[in-house]
Amino acid sequence: PPVILLLHEAIPQHFWCIPFSVDGNPVPTIRWLFNGSALAEGQYIHTRIVEYEPNSTVLHGCLQLNRPTHVNNGNYTLLVRNPLGSAARTPPGGWDKPFGDSPTRAKRGLGEGTLGDPNLLSHPCCSQVSVAVALAVFACLFLSVMLILLNKCGRRSKFGI
């Protein structure tokens, strides 16, 4: 029968990932429940098998959540089943990562990185973006001034038509 060897809480990768490892022979089917109901997988939420070894019965994978919002907060339960049995397990603590569990954030309905977040500019990527935008604005202003000066003060041919 299938056994859930590993099920961790969500971790941020390129997407949010709830990692798992299951073992079973024959290979079990993998399904997820979201707050007790069947999870409809699609383009933004889907199960991905990360490592597949041909001579092993262990499957390693993760439930990937692409751009999750507050709607995706809740309890995810992993269900594995094969003809010999089934197993189910929920990661510890459920999942509420995009908006965290800060009481002030939850009360205002703001998540990390929104315009209302007071810590927005303290994040390293945001300061890099700020520097890039400032450089781009400076370059545009410099080019505009240079074009105006060349147009006003540039030499014109006496024989120009």
Protein backbone atom coordinates (compact mmCIF):
# COMPACT_ATOMS: atom_id res chain seq x y z
CA PRO A 1 0.00 0.00 0.00
CA PRO A 2 1.12 3.60 -0.50
CA VAL A 3 2.95 5.43 2.27
CA ILE A 4 3.59 9.17 2.56
CA LEU A 5 7.26 9.35 3.52
CA LEU A 6 7.64 13.12 3.58
CA LEU A 7 5.31 16.12 3.53
CA HIS A 8 6.65 19.57 4.41
CA GLU A 9 5.06 22.99 4.65
CA ALA A 10 5.20 25.23 1.58
CA ILE A 11 8.56 26.67 0.58
CA PRO A 12 9.24 29.51 -1.86
CA GLN A 13 11.08 28.45 -4.98
CA HIS A 14 10.43 29.81 -8.47
CA PHE A 15 6.85 28.90 -7.54
CA TRP A 16 5.51 28.08 -4.08
CA CYS A 17 6.01 24.35 -3.52
CA ILE A 18 4.58 21.89 -1.01
CA PRO A 19 7.18 19.09 -1.22
CA PHE A 20 6.28 15.44 -0.73
CA SER A 21 7.66 11.92 -1.13
CA VAL A 22 5.44 8.86 -1.47
CA ASP A 23 6.19 5.16 -1.79
CA GLY A 24 3.96 2.44 -3.14
CA ASN A 25 3.90 -0.52 -5.50
CA PRO A 26 2.04 -0.33 -7.85
CA VAL A 27 2.64 3.37 -8.34
CA PRO A 28 -0.04 5.29 -6.43
CA THR A 29 -2.24 8.02 -7.85
CA ILE A 30 -1.72 11.41 -6.23
CA ARG A 31 -4.61 13.78 -5.47
CA TRP A 32 -4.97 16.85 -3.26
CA LEU A 33 -7.77 18.18 -1.12
CA PHE A 34 -8.15 21.88 -0.38
CA ASN A 35 -10.04 22.58 2.86
CA GLY A 36 -11.66 19.13 2.62
CA SER A 37 -12.80 19.40 -1.03
CA ALA A 38 -11.13 18.00 -4.14
CA LEU A 39 -8.53 20.43 -5.50
CA ALA A 40 -9.03 21.22 -9.18
CA GLU A 41 -5.55 21.35 -10.66
CA GLY A 42 -4.89 23.59 -13.61
CA GLN A 43 -2.41 26.07 -15.06
CA TYR A 44 -1.65 27.80 -11.74
CA ILE A 45 -1.87 24.87 -9.30
CA HIS A 46 -0.58 21.46 -10.30
CA THR A 47 1.34 18.42 -9.03
CA ARG A 48 4.81 17.98 -10.44
CA ILE A 49 6.98 14.90 -9.96
CA VAL A 50 10.50 16.25 -9.40
CA GLU A 51 12.57 13.08 -9.44
CA TYR A 52 11.62 9.80 -11.06
CA GLU A 53 13.93 6.83 -10.76
CA PRO A 54 13.01 3.88 -13.01
CA ASN A 55 13.98 1.16 -10.51
CA SER A 56 12.53 2.83 -7.42
CA THR A 57 9.01 2.91 -6.05
CA VAL A 58 9.51 6.29 -4.35
CA LEU A 59 8.10 9.40 -6.03
CA HIS A 60 9.41 12.85 -5.06
CA GLY A 61 7.43 15.89 -6.10
CA CYS A 62 5.63 19.02 -5.07
CA LEU A 63 2.33 20.76 -5.40
CA GLN A 64 3.24 23.94 -7.27
CA LEU A 65 1.27 27.12 -6.71
CA ASN A 66 2.01 29.83 -9.25
CA ARG A 67 1.17 33.36 -8.05
CA PRO A 68 -1.00 32.34 -5.09
CA THR A 69 -3.26 34.88 -3.41
CA HIS A 70 -5.29 34.96 -0.21
CA VAL A 71 -7.85 32.72 -1.95
CA ASN A 72 -5.28 29.90 -1.87
CA ASN A 73 -4.78 30.09 1.92
CA GLY A 74 -6.03 26.99 3.71
CA ASN A 75 -5.30 23.34 4.43
CA TYR A 76 -3.95 21.14 1.66
CA THR A 77 -4.22 17.37 2.17
CA LEU A 78 -2.24 14.86 0.12
CA LEU A 79 -4.15 11.70 -0.87
CA VAL A 80 -2.31 8.72 -2.36
CA ARG A 81 -4.08 5.56 -3.48
CA ASN A 82 -3.31 2.31 -5.27
CA PRO A 83 -5.21 -1.02 -5.44
CA LEU A 84 -3.66 -2.13 -2.12
CA GLY A 85 -4.75 0.86 -0.03
CA SER A 86 -4.57 4.59 0.51
CA ALA A 87 -3.00 7.22 2.76
CA ALA A 88 -3.70 10.87 3.54
CA ARG A 89 -1.73 13.56 5.32
CA THR A 90 -1.85 17.35 5.78
CA PRO A 91 1.32 19.46 6.03
CA PRO A 92 1.94 20.97 9.46
CA GLY A 93 0.26 24.31 10.03
CA GLY A 94 -1.72 24.48 6.77
CA TRP A 95 -0.68 27.09 4.27
CA ASP A 96 -1.02 30.87 4.54
CA LYS A 97 2.22 32.09 2.97
CA PRO A 98 1.34 34.93 0.58
CA PHE A 99 -0.14 37.13 3.30
CA GLY A 100 1.58 35.69 6.36
CA ASP A 101 -0.02 35.61 9.78
CA SER A 102 0.84 39.09 10.97
CA PRO A 103 -2.23 40.49 12.77
CA THR A 104 -1.75 43.99 11.36
CA ARG A 105 -1.35 42.67 7.85
CA ALA A 106 -4.35 40.38 8.17
CA LYS A 107 -6.46 43.21 9.61
CA ARG A 108 -5.60 45.59 6.76
CA GLY A 109 -5.66 42.88 4.09
CA LEU A 110 -2.22 43.77 2.82
CA GLY A 111 0.44 41.31 1.71
CA GLU A 112 4.16 41.60 1.43
CA GLY A 113 5.23 43.81 -1.42
CA THR A 114 2.01 45.76 -1.81
CA LEU A 115 2.04 49.54 -1.92
CA GLY A 116 0.70 49.72 1.62
CA ASP A 117 3.54 47.66 3.06
CA PRO A 118 5.85 49.91 5.12
CA ASN A 119 8.76 47.50 4.62
CA LEU A 120 8.56 47.62 0.83
CA LEU A 121 11.81 49.53 0.25
CA SER A 122 13.76 47.50 2.80
CA HIS A 123 13.48 44.42 0.60
CA PRO A 124 16.70 43.90 -1.45
CA CYS A 125 15.00 43.38 -4.81
CA CYS A 126 12.89 46.52 -4.37
CA SER A 127 15.95 48.69 -3.72
CA GLN A 128 17.57 47.29 -6.87
CA VAL A 129 14.43 48.12 -8.86
CA SER A 130 14.42 51.64 -7.38
CA VAL A 131 18.02 52.19 -8.44
CA ALA A 132 17.30 50.88 -11.95
CA VAL A 133 14.27 53.17 -12.33
CA ALA A 134 16.25 56.18 -11.07
CA LEU A 135 19.04 55.47 -13.57
CA ALA A 136 16.55 55.10 -16.41
CA VAL A 137 14.87 58.43 -15.55
CA PHE A 138 18.27 60.15 -15.31
CA ALA A 139 19.32 58.74 -18.70
CA CYS A 140 16.08 59.92 -20.34
CA LEU A 141 16.46 63.42 -18.90
CA PHE A 142 20.11 63.59 -19.98
CA LEU A 143 19.29 62.52 -23.54
CA SER A 144 16.41 65.01 -23.74
CA VAL A 145 18.64 67.90 -22.61
CA MET A 146 21.36 66.87 -25.08
CA LEU A 147 18.89 66.73 -27.98
CA ILE A 148 17.49 70.17 -27.10
CA LEU A 149 21.00 71.66 -26.87
CA LEU A 150 22.08 70.13 -30.17
CA ASN A 151 18.94 71.36 -31.86
CA LYS A 152 19.27 74.95 -30.53
CA CYS A 153 23.02 75.42 -30.58
CA GLY A 154 24.10 73.12 -33.37
CA ARG A 155 25.66 74.52 -36.56
CA ARG A 156 23.41 74.84 -39.54
CA SER A 157 24.65 74.86 -43.08
CA LYS A 158 24.49 78.19 -44.92
CA PHE A 159 23.30 76.37 -47.99
CA GLY A 160 20.61 74.24 -46.27
CA ILE A 161 17.21 74.09 -47.84
